[in-house]
Full PDB file with SEQRES, HELIX, SHEET, SSBOND, CRYST1, ORIGX, SCALE, CONECT and MASTER records, all heavy atoms in Angstrom:
SEQRES   1 A   37  PHE GLU GLN TRP ARG PRO ASP ALA GLY ASP PHE PRO GLN          
SEQRES   2 A   37  GLU VAL LEU GLY ARG PRO LEU PRO ARG TRP PRO GLY GLU          
SEQRES   3 A   37  ARG TRP LEU ASP ILE ARG ARG LEU ASP LEU LEU                  
HELIX    1 AA1 ALA A    8  ASP A   10  5                                   3    
HELIX    2 AA2 GLN A   13  VAL A   15  5                                   3    
SHEET    1 AA1 2 LEU A  16  PRO A  19  0                                        
SHEET    2 AA1 2 ARG A  27  LEU A  29 -1                                        
CRYST1    1.000    1.000    1.000  90.00  90.00  90.00 P 1           1          
ORIGX1      1.000000  0.000000  0.000000        0.00000                         
ORIGX2      0.000000  1.000000  0.000000        0.00000                         
ORIGX3      0.000000  0.000000  1.000000        0.00000                         
SCALE1      1.000000  0.000000  0.000000        0.00000                         
SCALE2      0.000000  1.000000  0.000000        0.00000                         
SCALE3      0.000000  0.000000  1.000000        0.00000                         
ATOM      1  N   PHE A   1      -1.344  -2.661   0.338  1.00  0.00           N  
ATOM      2  CA  PHE A   1      -2.236  -1.615  -0.163  1.00  0.00           C  
ATOM      3  C   PHE A   1      -3.143  -2.150  -1.200  1.00  0.00           C  
ATOM      4  O   PHE A   1      -2.725  -2.943  -2.081  1.00  0.00           O  
ATOM      5  CB  PHE A   1      -1.372  -0.498  -0.703  1.00  0.00           C  
ATOM      6  CG  PHE A   1      -2.080   0.555  -1.502  1.00  0.00           C  
ATOM      7  CD1 PHE A   1      -2.738   1.600  -0.861  1.00  0.00           C  
ATOM      8  CD2 PHE A   1      -2.104   0.503  -2.896  1.00  0.00           C  
ATOM      9  CE1 PHE A   1      -3.392   2.580  -1.634  1.00  0.00           C  
ATOM     10  CE2 PHE A   1      -2.745   1.459  -3.647  1.00  0.00           C  
ATOM     11  CZ  PHE A   1      -3.373   2.497  -3.014  1.00  0.00           C  
ATOM     12  N   GLU A   2      -4.422  -1.748  -1.187  1.00  0.00           N  
ATOM     13  CA  GLU A   2      -5.400  -2.116  -2.203  1.00  0.00           C  
ATOM     14  C   GLU A   2      -5.956  -0.827  -2.804  1.00  0.00           C  
ATOM     15  O   GLU A   2      -6.564  -0.021  -2.083  1.00  0.00           O  
ATOM     16  CB  GLU A   2      -6.516  -2.957  -1.604  1.00  0.00           C  
ATOM     17  CG  GLU A   2      -6.066  -4.285  -1.022  1.00  0.00           C  
ATOM     18  CD  GLU A   2      -7.087  -4.942  -0.079  1.00  0.00           C  
ATOM     19  OE1 GLU A   2      -7.665  -4.184   0.746  1.00  0.00           O  
ATOM     20  OE2 GLU A   2      -7.300  -6.119  -0.195  1.00  0.00           O  
ATOM     21  N   GLN A   3      -5.785  -0.668  -4.097  1.00  0.00           N  
ATOM     22  CA  GLN A   3      -6.052   0.614  -4.721  1.00  0.00           C  
ATOM     23  C   GLN A   3      -7.551   0.985  -4.749  1.00  0.00           C  
ATOM     24  O   GLN A   3      -7.915   2.150  -4.941  1.00  0.00           O  
ATOM     25  CB  GLN A   3      -5.474   0.661  -6.154  1.00  0.00           C  
ATOM     26  CG  GLN A   3      -6.155  -0.318  -7.129  1.00  0.00           C  
ATOM     27  CD  GLN A   3      -5.518  -0.276  -8.474  1.00  0.00           C  
ATOM     28  OE1 GLN A   3      -4.384   0.178  -8.643  1.00  0.00           O  
ATOM     29  NE2 GLN A   3      -6.214  -0.754  -9.508  1.00  0.00           N  
ATOM     30  N   TRP A   4      -8.422  -0.028  -4.557  1.00  0.00           N  
ATOM     31  CA  TRP A   4      -9.852   0.247  -4.693  1.00  0.00           C  
ATOM     32  C   TRP A   4     -10.517   0.592  -3.356  1.00  0.00           C  
ATOM     33  O   TRP A   4     -11.703   0.871  -3.284  1.00  0.00           O  
ATOM     34  CB  TRP A   4     -10.548  -0.978  -5.315  1.00  0.00           C  
ATOM     35  CG  TRP A   4     -10.429  -2.235  -4.464  1.00  0.00           C  
ATOM     36  CD1 TRP A   4     -11.245  -2.641  -3.482  1.00  0.00           C  
ATOM     37  CD2 TRP A   4      -9.368  -3.188  -4.542  1.00  0.00           C  
ATOM     38  NE1 TRP A   4     -10.805  -3.814  -2.907  1.00  0.00           N  
ATOM     39  CE2 TRP A   4      -9.616  -4.203  -3.580  1.00  0.00           C  
ATOM     40  CE3 TRP A   4      -8.248  -3.327  -5.373  1.00  0.00           C  
ATOM     41  CZ2 TRP A   4      -8.778  -5.296  -3.403  1.00  0.00           C  
ATOM     42  CZ3 TRP A   4      -7.431  -4.427  -5.190  1.00  0.00           C  
ATOM     43  CH2 TRP A   4      -7.716  -5.405  -4.212  1.00  0.00           C  
ATOM     44  N   ARG A   5      -9.784   0.557  -2.260  1.00  0.00           N  
ATOM     45  CA  ARG A   5     -10.370   0.804  -0.973  1.00  0.00           C  
ATOM     46  C   ARG A   5     -10.702   2.288  -0.787  1.00  0.00           C  
ATOM     47  O   ARG A   5     -10.025   3.155  -1.337  1.00  0.00           O  
ATOM     48  CB  ARG A   5      -9.456   0.322   0.130  1.00  0.00           C  
ATOM     49  CG  ARG A   5      -9.185  -1.152   0.155  1.00  0.00           C  
ATOM     50  CD  ARG A   5     -10.458  -1.968   0.300  1.00  0.00           C  
ATOM     51  NE  ARG A   5     -10.190  -3.412   0.540  1.00  0.00           N  
ATOM     52  CZ  ARG A   5     -11.125  -4.325   0.695  1.00  0.00           C  
ATOM     53  NH1 ARG A   5     -12.392  -3.987   0.564  1.00  0.00           N  
ATOM     54  NH2 ARG A   5     -10.792  -5.574   0.930  1.00  0.00           N  
ATOM     55  N   PRO A   6     -11.757   2.576  -0.011  1.00  0.00           N  
ATOM     56  CA  PRO A   6     -12.152   3.970   0.180  1.00  0.00           C  
ATOM     57  C   PRO A   6     -11.092   4.858   0.885  1.00  0.00           C  
ATOM     58  O   PRO A   6     -11.127   6.069   0.764  1.00  0.00           O  
ATOM     59  CB  PRO A   6     -13.452   3.873   1.015  1.00  0.00           C  
ATOM     60  CG  PRO A   6     -13.410   2.558   1.639  1.00  0.00           C  
ATOM     61  CD  PRO A   6     -12.665   1.670   0.674  1.00  0.00           C  
ATOM     62  N   ASP A   7     -10.172   4.219   1.614  1.00  0.00           N  
ATOM     63  CA  ASP A   7      -9.135   4.970   2.298  1.00  0.00           C  
ATOM     64  C   ASP A   7      -7.786   4.895   1.555  1.00  0.00           C  
ATOM     65  O   ASP A   7      -6.744   5.206   2.138  1.00  0.00           O  
ATOM     66  CB  ASP A   7      -8.988   4.508   3.740  1.00  0.00           C  
ATOM     67  CG  ASP A   7      -8.537   3.045   3.843  1.00  0.00           C  
ATOM     68  OD1 ASP A   7      -8.508   2.363   2.818  1.00  0.00           O  
ATOM     69  OD2 ASP A   7      -8.258   2.606   4.984  1.00  0.00           O  
ATOM     70  N   ALA A   8      -7.810   4.484   0.309  1.00  0.00           N  
ATOM     71  CA  ALA A   8      -6.542   4.339  -0.460  1.00  0.00           C  
ATOM     72  C   ALA A   8      -5.715   5.637  -0.473  1.00  0.00           C  
ATOM     73  O   ALA A   8      -4.510   5.580  -0.434  1.00  0.00           O  
ATOM     74  CB  ALA A   8      -6.823   3.880  -1.856  1.00  0.00           C  
ATOM     75  N   GLY A   9      -6.424   6.809  -0.494  1.00  0.00           N  
ATOM     76  CA  GLY A   9      -5.691   8.063  -0.514  1.00  0.00           C  
ATOM     77  C   GLY A   9      -4.997   8.364   0.781  1.00  0.00           C  
ATOM     78  O   GLY A   9      -4.210   9.362   0.808  1.00  0.00           O  
ATOM     79  N   ASP A  10      -5.247   7.634   1.826  1.00  0.00           N  
ATOM     80  CA  ASP A  10      -4.587   7.886   3.125  1.00  0.00           C  
ATOM     81  C   ASP A  10      -3.193   7.308   3.230  1.00  0.00           C  
ATOM     82  O   ASP A  10      -2.468   7.571   4.173  1.00  0.00           O  
ATOM     83  CB  ASP A  10      -5.457   7.380   4.266  1.00  0.00           C  
ATOM     84  CG  ASP A  10      -6.796   8.046   4.393  1.00  0.00           C  
ATOM     85  OD1 ASP A  10      -6.889   9.200   3.890  1.00  0.00           O  
ATOM     86  OD2 ASP A  10      -7.731   7.451   4.986  1.00  0.00           O  
ATOM     87  N   PHE A  11      -2.811   6.445   2.259  1.00  0.00           N  
ATOM     88  CA  PHE A  11      -1.520   5.803   2.273  1.00  0.00           C  
ATOM     89  C   PHE A  11      -0.499   6.678   1.550  1.00  0.00           C  
ATOM     90  O   PHE A  11      -0.657   6.935   0.358  1.00  0.00           O  
ATOM     91  CB  PHE A  11      -1.582   4.432   1.620  1.00  0.00           C  
ATOM     92  CG  PHE A  11      -2.352   3.407   2.407  1.00  0.00           C  
ATOM     93  CD1 PHE A  11      -3.696   3.306   2.290  1.00  0.00           C  
ATOM     94  CD2 PHE A  11      -1.660   2.550   3.241  1.00  0.00           C  
ATOM     95  CE1 PHE A  11      -4.416   2.321   2.998  1.00  0.00           C  
ATOM     96  CE2 PHE A  11      -2.343   1.580   3.977  1.00  0.00           C  
ATOM     97  CZ  PHE A  11      -3.735   1.450   3.842  1.00  0.00           C  
ATOM     98  N   PRO A  12       0.526   7.147   2.237  1.00  0.00           N  
ATOM     99  CA  PRO A  12       1.552   7.953   1.540  1.00  0.00           C  
ATOM    100  C   PRO A  12       2.267   7.139   0.469  1.00  0.00           C  
ATOM    101  O   PRO A  12       2.470   5.931   0.582  1.00  0.00           O  
ATOM    102  CB  PRO A  12       2.561   8.297   2.674  1.00  0.00           C  
ATOM    103  CG  PRO A  12       1.760   8.150   3.936  1.00  0.00           C  
ATOM    104  CD  PRO A  12       0.807   7.021   3.670  1.00  0.00           C  
ATOM    105  N   GLN A  13       2.613   7.785  -0.660  1.00  0.00           N  
ATOM    106  CA  GLN A  13       3.238   7.096  -1.766  1.00  0.00           C  
ATOM    107  C   GLN A  13       4.500   6.379  -1.356  1.00  0.00           C  
ATOM    108  O   GLN A  13       4.828   5.308  -1.880  1.00  0.00           O  
ATOM    109  CB  GLN A  13       3.504   8.092  -2.876  1.00  0.00           C  
ATOM    110  CG  GLN A  13       3.975   7.490  -4.186  1.00  0.00           C  
ATOM    111  CD  GLN A  13       2.843   6.697  -4.891  1.00  0.00           C  
ATOM    112  OE1 GLN A  13       1.689   6.960  -4.740  1.00  0.00           O  
ATOM    113  NE2 GLN A  13       3.258   5.717  -5.694  1.00  0.00           N  
ATOM    114  N   GLU A  14       5.231   6.939  -0.398  1.00  0.00           N  
ATOM    115  CA  GLU A  14       6.499   6.349  -0.026  1.00  0.00           C  
ATOM    116  C   GLU A  14       6.416   5.013   0.681  1.00  0.00           C  
ATOM    117  O   GLU A  14       7.444   4.296   0.784  1.00  0.00           O  
ATOM    118  CB  GLU A  14       7.312   7.338   0.894  1.00  0.00           C  
ATOM    119  CG  GLU A  14       6.615   7.615   2.227  1.00  0.00           C  
ATOM    120  CD  GLU A  14       7.111   8.908   2.838  1.00  0.00           C  
ATOM    121  OE1 GLU A  14       8.097   8.871   3.591  1.00  0.00           O  
ATOM    122  OE2 GLU A  14       6.481   9.938   2.565  1.00  0.00           O  
ATOM    123  N   VAL A  15       5.245   4.589   1.123  1.00  0.00           N  
ATOM    124  CA  VAL A  15       5.106   3.276   1.773  1.00  0.00           C  
ATOM    125  C   VAL A  15       4.640   2.181   0.835  1.00  0.00           C  
ATOM    126  O   VAL A  15       4.489   1.053   1.229  1.00  0.00           O  
ATOM    127  CB  VAL A  15       4.150   3.329   3.000  1.00  0.00           C  
ATOM    128  CG1 VAL A  15       4.649   4.350   4.000  1.00  0.00           C  
ATOM    129  CG2 VAL A  15       2.702   3.570   2.603  1.00  0.00           C  
ATOM    130  N   LEU A  16       4.424   2.562  -0.448  1.00  0.00           N  
ATOM    131  CA  LEU A  16       3.903   1.591  -1.411  1.00  0.00           C  
ATOM    132  C   LEU A  16       5.030   0.866  -2.112  1.00  0.00           C  
ATOM    133  O   LEU A  16       5.899   1.529  -2.732  1.00  0.00           O  
ATOM    134  CB  LEU A  16       2.995   2.269  -2.436  1.00  0.00           C  
ATOM    135  CG  LEU A  16       1.818   3.100  -1.866  1.00  0.00           C  
ATOM    136  CD1 LEU A  16       0.959   3.621  -2.988  1.00  0.00           C  
ATOM    137  CD2 LEU A  16       1.029   2.296  -0.869  1.00  0.00           C  
ATOM    138  N   GLY A  17       5.026  -0.445  -2.035  1.00  0.00           N  
ATOM    139  CA  GLY A  17       6.112  -1.243  -2.576  1.00  0.00           C  
ATOM    140  C   GLY A  17       5.710  -1.963  -3.824  1.00  0.00           C  
ATOM    141  O   GLY A  17       4.855  -1.513  -4.627  1.00  0.00           O  
ATOM    142  N   ARG A  18       6.269  -3.166  -4.019  1.00  0.00           N  
ATOM    143  CA  ARG A  18       6.052  -3.954  -5.242  1.00  0.00           C  
ATOM    144  C   ARG A  18       4.643  -4.581  -5.251  1.00  0.00           C  
ATOM    145  O   ARG A  18       4.093  -4.822  -4.199  1.00  0.00           O  
ATOM    146  CB  ARG A  18       7.151  -5.004  -5.334  1.00  0.00           C  
ATOM    147  CG  ARG A  18       8.506  -4.425  -5.666  1.00  0.00           C  
ATOM    148  CD  ARG A  18       9.614  -5.481  -5.679  1.00  0.00           C  
ATOM    149  NE  ARG A  18      10.893  -4.887  -6.060  1.00  0.00           N  
ATOM    150  CZ  ARG A  18      12.056  -5.352  -5.757  1.00  0.00           C  
ATOM    151  NH1 ARG A  18      12.143  -6.526  -5.085  1.00  0.00           N  
ATOM    152  NH2 ARG A  18      13.178  -4.753  -6.120  1.00  0.00           N  
ATOM    153  N   PRO A  19       4.169  -4.811  -6.453  1.00  0.00           N  
ATOM    154  CA  PRO A  19       2.820  -5.480  -6.565  1.00  0.00           C  
ATOM    155  C   PRO A  19       2.873  -6.918  -5.982  1.00  0.00           C  
ATOM    156  O   PRO A  19       3.910  -7.613  -6.071  1.00  0.00           O  
ATOM    157  CB  PRO A  19       2.562  -5.480  -8.053  1.00  0.00           C  
ATOM    158  CG  PRO A  19       3.506  -4.477  -8.626  1.00  0.00           C  
ATOM    159  CD  PRO A  19       4.668  -4.500  -7.760  1.00  0.00           C  
ATOM    160  N   LEU A  20       1.764  -7.340  -5.467  1.00  0.00           N  
ATOM    161  CA  LEU A  20       1.595  -8.755  -5.110  1.00  0.00           C  
ATOM    162  C   LEU A  20       1.359  -9.543  -6.377  1.00  0.00           C  
ATOM    163  O   LEU A  20       0.526  -9.198  -7.192  1.00  0.00           O  
ATOM    164  CB  LEU A  20       0.411  -8.932  -4.139  1.00  0.00           C  
ATOM    165  CG  LEU A  20       0.718  -8.721  -2.650  1.00  0.00           C  
ATOM    166  CD1 LEU A  20       1.015  -7.263  -2.373  1.00  0.00           C  
ATOM    167  CD2 LEU A  20      -0.436  -9.219  -1.817  1.00  0.00           C  
ATOM    168  N   PRO A  21       2.085 -10.658  -6.576  1.00  0.00           N  
ATOM    169  CA  PRO A  21       2.053 -11.367  -7.848  1.00  0.00           C  
ATOM    170  C   PRO A  21       0.660 -11.797  -8.348  1.00  0.00           C  
ATOM    171  O   PRO A  21       0.329 -11.686  -9.486  1.00  0.00           O  
ATOM    172  CB  PRO A  21       2.970 -12.587  -7.585  1.00  0.00           C  
ATOM    173  CG  PRO A  21       3.862 -12.150  -6.512  1.00  0.00           C  
ATOM    174  CD  PRO A  21       3.036 -11.240  -5.631  1.00  0.00           C  
ATOM    175  N   ARG A  22      -0.161 -12.307  -7.418  1.00  0.00           N  
ATOM    176  CA  ARG A  22      -1.404 -12.907  -7.837  1.00  0.00           C  
ATOM    177  C   ARG A  22      -2.630 -11.960  -7.739  1.00  0.00           C  
ATOM    178  O   ARG A  22      -3.740 -12.305  -8.115  1.00  0.00           O  
ATOM    179  CB  ARG A  22      -1.736 -14.139  -7.044  1.00  0.00           C  
ATOM    180  CG  ARG A  22      -0.771 -15.291  -7.224  1.00  0.00           C  
ATOM    181  CD  ARG A  22      -1.223 -16.531  -6.501  1.00  0.00           C  
ATOM    182  NE  ARG A  22      -2.554 -16.944  -6.841  1.00  0.00           N  
ATOM    183  CZ  ARG A  22      -3.112 -18.078  -6.476  1.00  0.00           C  
ATOM    184  NH1 ARG A  22      -2.421 -18.961  -5.739  1.00  0.00           N  
ATOM    185  NH2 ARG A  22      -4.349 -18.364  -6.791  1.00  0.00           N  
ATOM    186  N   TRP A  23      -2.392 -10.765  -7.218  1.00  0.00           N  
ATOM    187  CA  TRP A  23      -3.513  -9.903  -6.808  1.00  0.00           C  
ATOM    188  C   TRP A  23      -3.405  -8.502  -7.458  1.00  0.00           C  
ATOM    189  O   TRP A  23      -2.744  -7.616  -6.900  1.00  0.00           O  
ATOM    190  CB  TRP A  23      -3.645  -9.810  -5.309  1.00  0.00           C  
ATOM    191  CG  TRP A  23      -3.636 -11.182  -4.687  1.00  0.00           C  
ATOM    192  CD1 TRP A  23      -2.607 -11.773  -4.016  1.00  0.00           C  
ATOM    193  CD2 TRP A  23      -4.701 -12.104  -4.671  1.00  0.00           C  
ATOM    194  NE1 TRP A  23      -2.980 -13.025  -3.580  1.00  0.00           N  
ATOM    195  CE2 TRP A  23      -4.259 -13.266  -3.961  1.00  0.00           C  
ATOM    196  CE3 TRP A  23      -6.018 -12.125  -5.173  1.00  0.00           C  
ATOM    197  CZ2 TRP A  23      -5.076 -14.384  -3.755  1.00  0.00           C  
ATOM    198  CZ3 TRP A  23      -6.816 -13.224  -5.004  1.00  0.00           C  
ATOM    199  CH2 TRP A  23      -6.327 -14.316  -4.276  1.00  0.00           C  
ATOM    200  N   PRO A  24      -4.016  -8.299  -8.615  1.00  0.00           N  
ATOM    201  CA  PRO A  24      -3.916  -6.984  -9.325  1.00  0.00           C  
ATOM    202  C   PRO A  24      -4.449  -5.882  -8.399  1.00  0.00           C  
ATOM    203  O   PRO A  24      -5.449  -6.022  -7.730  1.00  0.00           O  
ATOM    204  CB  PRO A  24      -4.818  -7.170 -10.547  1.00  0.00           C  
ATOM    205  CG  PRO A  24      -4.844  -8.659 -10.762  1.00  0.00           C  
ATOM    206  CD  PRO A  24      -4.782  -9.284  -9.394  1.00  0.00           C  
ATOM    207  N   GLY A  25      -3.729  -4.750  -8.436  1.00  0.00           N  
ATOM    208  CA  GLY A  25      -4.160  -3.613  -7.653  1.00  0.00           C  
ATOM    209  C   GLY A  25      -3.661  -3.589  -6.209  1.00  0.00           C  
ATOM    210  O   GLY A  25      -3.998  -2.678  -5.487  1.00  0.00           O  
ATOM    211  N   GLU A  26      -2.861  -4.613  -5.838  1.00  0.00           N  
ATOM    212  CA  GLU A  26      -2.305  -4.662  -4.478  1.00  0.00           C  
ATOM    213  C   GLU A  26      -0.799  -4.478  -4.528  1.00  0.00           C  
ATOM    214  O   GLU A  26      -0.124  -4.976  -5.430  1.00  0.00           O  
ATOM    215  CB  GLU A  26      -2.637  -5.996  -3.811  1.00  0.00           C  
ATOM    216  CG  GLU A  26      -4.125  -6.253  -3.550  1.00  0.00           C  
ATOM    217  CD  GLU A  26      -4.403  -7.446  -2.680  1.00  0.00           C  
ATOM    218  OE1 GLU A  26      -3.596  -7.688  -1.733  1.00  0.00           O  
ATOM    219  OE2 GLU A  26      -5.388  -8.165  -2.980  1.00  0.00           O  
ATOM    220  N   ARG A  27      -0.297  -3.749  -3.521  1.00  0.00           N  
ATOM    221  CA  ARG A  27       1.154  -3.531  -3.403  1.00  0.00           C  
ATOM    222  C   ARG A  27       1.550  -3.674  -1.940  1.00  0.00           C  
ATOM    223  O   ARG A  27       0.783  -3.299  -1.015  1.00  0.00           O  
ATOM    224  CB  ARG A  27       1.491  -2.084  -3.870  1.00  0.00           C  
ATOM    225  CG  ARG A  27       1.199  -1.881  -5.319  1.00  0.00           C  
ATOM    226  CD  ARG A  27       1.345  -0.409  -5.747  1.00  0.00           C  
ATOM    227  NE  ARG A  27       2.711   0.062  -5.601  1.00  0.00           N  
ATOM    228  CZ  ARG A  27       3.089   1.313  -5.910  1.00  0.00           C  
ATOM    229  NH1 ARG A  27       2.168   2.179  -6.359  1.00  0.00           N  
ATOM    230  NH2 ARG A  27       4.330   1.716  -5.750  1.00  0.00           N  
ATOM    231  N   TRP A  28       2.703  -4.256  -1.746  1.00  0.00           N  
ATOM    232  CA  TRP A  28       3.198  -4.436  -0.384  1.00  0.00           C  
ATOM    233  C   TRP A  28       3.476  -3.086   0.266  1.00  0.00           C  
ATOM    234  O   TRP A  28       3.806  -2.076  -0.407  1.00  0.00           O  
ATOM    235  CB  TRP A  28       4.527  -5.218  -0.394  1.00  0.00           C  
ATOM    236  CG  TRP A  28       4.332  -6.666  -0.715  1.00  0.00           C  
ATOM    237  CD1 TRP A  28       4.689  -7.312  -1.893  1.00  0.00           C  
ATOM    238  CD2 TRP A  28       3.766  -7.680   0.110  1.00  0.00           C  
ATOM    239  NE1 TRP A  28       4.339  -8.637  -1.831  1.00  0.00           N  
ATOM    240  CE2 TRP A  28       3.783  -8.870  -0.603  1.00  0.00           C  
ATOM    241  CE3 TRP A  28       3.239  -7.668   1.404  1.00  0.00           C  
ATOM    242  CZ2 TRP A  28       3.287 -10.078  -0.091  1.00  0.00           C  
ATOM    243  CZ3 TRP A  28       2.754  -8.850   1.949  1.00  0.00           C  
ATOM    244  CH2 TRP A  28       2.787 -10.014   1.188  1.00  0.00           C  
ATOM    245  N   LEU A  29       3.302  -3.049   1.582  1.00  0.00           N  
ATOM    246  CA  LEU A  29       3.561  -1.831   2.350  1.00  0.00           C  
ATOM    247  C   LEU A  29       4.926  -1.880   3.059  1.00  0.00           C  
ATOM    248  O   LEU A  29       5.379  -2.949   3.482  1.00  0.00           O  
ATOM    249  CB  LEU A  29       2.455  -1.650   3.407  1.00  0.00           C  
ATOM    250  CG  LEU A  29       1.043  -1.336   2.875  1.00  0.00           C  
ATOM    251  CD1 LEU A  29       0.065  -1.382   4.016  1.00  0.00           C  
ATOM    252  CD2 LEU A  29       1.021   0.037   2.229  1.00  0.00           C  
ATOM    253  N   ASP A  30       5.506  -0.732   3.224  1.00  0.00           N  
ATOM    254  CA  ASP A  30       6.734  -0.642   4.020  1.00  0.00           C  
ATOM    255  C   ASP A  30       6.364  -0.592   5.495  1.00  0.00           C  
ATOM    256  O   ASP A  30       6.170   0.474   6.084  1.00  0.00           O  
ATOM    257  CB  ASP A  30       7.531   0.624   3.639  1.00  0.00           C  
ATOM    258  CG  ASP A  30       8.858   0.676   4.325  1.00  0.00           C  
ATOM    259  OD1 ASP A  30       9.176  -0.207   5.161  1.00  0.00           O  
ATOM    260  OD2 ASP A  30       9.637   1.649   4.043  1.00  0.00           O  
ATOM    261  N   ILE A  31       6.222  -1.752   6.091  1.00  0.00           N  
ATOM    262  CA  ILE A  31       5.746  -1.861   7.416  1.00  0.00           C  
ATOM    263  C   ILE A  31       6.734  -1.321   8.479  1.00  0.00           C  
ATOM    264  O   ILE A  31       6.412  -1.218   9.648  1.00  0.00           O  
ATOM    265  CB  ILE A  31       5.317  -3.287   7.831  1.00  0.00           C  
ATOM    266  CG1 ILE A  31       6.556  -4.209   7.717  1.00  0.00           C  
ATOM    267  CG2 ILE A  31       4.179  -3.769   6.926  1.00  0.00           C  
ATOM    268  CD1 ILE A  31       6.323  -5.569   8.353  1.00  0.00           C  
ATOM    269  N   ARG A  32       7.937  -0.977   8.028  1.00  0.00           N  
ATOM    270  CA  ARG A  32       8.882  -0.327   8.956  1.00  0.00           C  
ATOM    271  C   ARG A  32       8.378   1.070   9.389  1.00  0.00           C  
ATOM    272  O   ARG A  32       8.753   1.549  10.425  1.00  0.00           O  
ATOM    273  CB  ARG A  32      10.272  -0.195   8.273  1.00  0.00           C  
ATOM    274  CG  ARG A  32      10.911  -1.504   7.878  1.00  0.00           C  
ATOM    275  CD  ARG A  32      12.136  -1.276   7.050  1.00  0.00           C  
ATOM    276  NE  ARG A  32      11.825  -0.447   5.838  1.00  0.00           N  
ATOM    277  CZ  ARG A  32      12.709   0.162   5.073  1.00  0.00           C  
ATOM    278  NH1 ARG A  32      14.031   0.093   5.400  1.00  0.00           N  
ATOM    279  NH2 ARG A  32      12.346   0.851   4.036  1.00  0.00           N  
ATOM    280  N   ARG A  33       7.531   1.676   8.517  1.00  0.00           N  
ATOM    281  CA  ARG A  33       7.107   3.057   8.761  1.00  0.00           C  
ATOM    282  C   ARG A  33       5.872   3.027   9.620  1.00  0.00           C  
ATOM    283  O   ARG A  33       4.742   3.400   9.194  1.00  0.00           O  
ATOM    284  CB  ARG A  33       6.872   3.774   7.418  1.00  0.00           C  
ATOM    285  CG  ARG A  33       8.103   3.913   6.569  1.00  0.00           C  
ATOM    286  CD  ARG A  33       9.200   4.670   7.272  1.00  0.00           C  
ATOM    287  NE  ARG A  33       8.730   5.957   7.793  1.00  0.00           N  
ATOM    288  CZ  ARG A  33       8.742   7.096   7.132  1.00  0.00           C  
ATOM    289  NH1 ARG A  33       9.215   7.119   5.861  1.00  0.00           N  
ATOM    290  NH2 ARG A  33       8.324   8.231   7.657  1.00  0.00           N  
ATOM    291  N   LEU A  34       6.011   2.675  10.867  1.00  0.00           N  
ATOM    292  CA  LEU A  34       4.932   2.694  11.829  1.00  0.00           C  
ATOM    293  C   LEU A  34       4.320   4.094  11.979  1.00  0.00           C  
ATOM    294  O   LEU A  34       3.104   4.272  12.189  1.00  0.00           O  
ATOM    295  CB  LEU A  34       5.323   2.146  13.151  1.00  0.00           C  
ATOM    296  CG  LEU A  34       5.905   0.727  13.205  1.00  0.00           C  
ATOM    297  CD1 LEU A  34       6.144   0.277  14.616  1.00  0.00           C  
ATOM    298  CD2 LEU A  34       4.969  -0.272  12.485  1.00  0.00           C  
ATOM    299  N   ASP A  35       5.170   5.095  11.878  1.00  0.00           N  
ATOM    300  CA  ASP A  35       4.748   6.488  12.027  1.00  0.00           C  
ATOM    301  C   ASP A  35       3.725   6.873  10.999  1.00  0.00           C  
ATOM    302  O   ASP A  35       2.781   7.624  11.272  1.00  0.00           O  
ATOM    303  CB  ASP A  35       5.932   7.423  11.973  1.00  0.00           C  
ATOM    304  CG  ASP A  35       6.733   7.326  10.690  1.00  0.00           C  
ATOM    305  OD1 ASP A  35       6.818   6.191  10.183  1.00  0.00           O  
ATOM    306  OD2 ASP A  35       7.253   8.345  10.213  1.00  0.00           O  
ATOM    307  N   LEU A  36       3.845   6.298   9.797  1.00  0.00           N  
ATOM    308  CA  LEU A  36       2.916   6.614   8.728  1.00  0.00           C  
ATOM    309  C   LEU A  36       1.756   5.668   8.642  1.00  0.00           C  
ATOM    310  O   LEU A  36       0.639   6.042   8.228  1.00  0.00           O  
ATOM    311  CB  LEU A  36       3.644   6.601   7.373  1.00  0.00           C  
ATOM    312  CG  LEU A  36       4.778   7.645   7.249  1.00  0.00           C  
ATOM    313  CD1 LEU A  36       5.437   7.520   5.856  1.00  0.00           C  
ATOM    314  CD2 LEU A  36       4.279   9.056   7.393  1.00  0.00           C  
ATOM    315  N   LEU A  37       1.967   4.412   9.029  1.00  0.00           N  
ATOM    316  CA  LEU A  37       0.927   3.412   8.885  1.00  0.00           C  
ATOM    317  C   LEU A  37      -0.012   3.298  10.099  1.00  0.00           C  
ATOM    318  O   LEU A  37      -1.177   2.879   9.967  1.00  0.00           O  
ATOM    319  CB  LEU A  37       1.541   2.043   8.590  1.00  0.00           C  
ATOM    320  CG  LEU A  37       2.180   1.929   7.202  1.00  0.00           C  
ATOM    321  CD1 LEU A  37       2.837   0.579   7.024  1.00  0.00           C  
ATOM    322  CD2 LEU A  37       1.117   2.146   6.093  1.00  0.00           C  
TER     323      LEU A  37                                                      
MASTER        0    0    0    2    2    0    0    6  322    1    0    3          
END                                                                             
């Protein structure tokens, strides 16, 4: 997930994981949730 993207609001909070170490504003996605992603 990238917080600055125009579709950032389309990502449910429950699929947002830990931040990526080198990239501020990015968080891993729970790719198990195909129904939501």
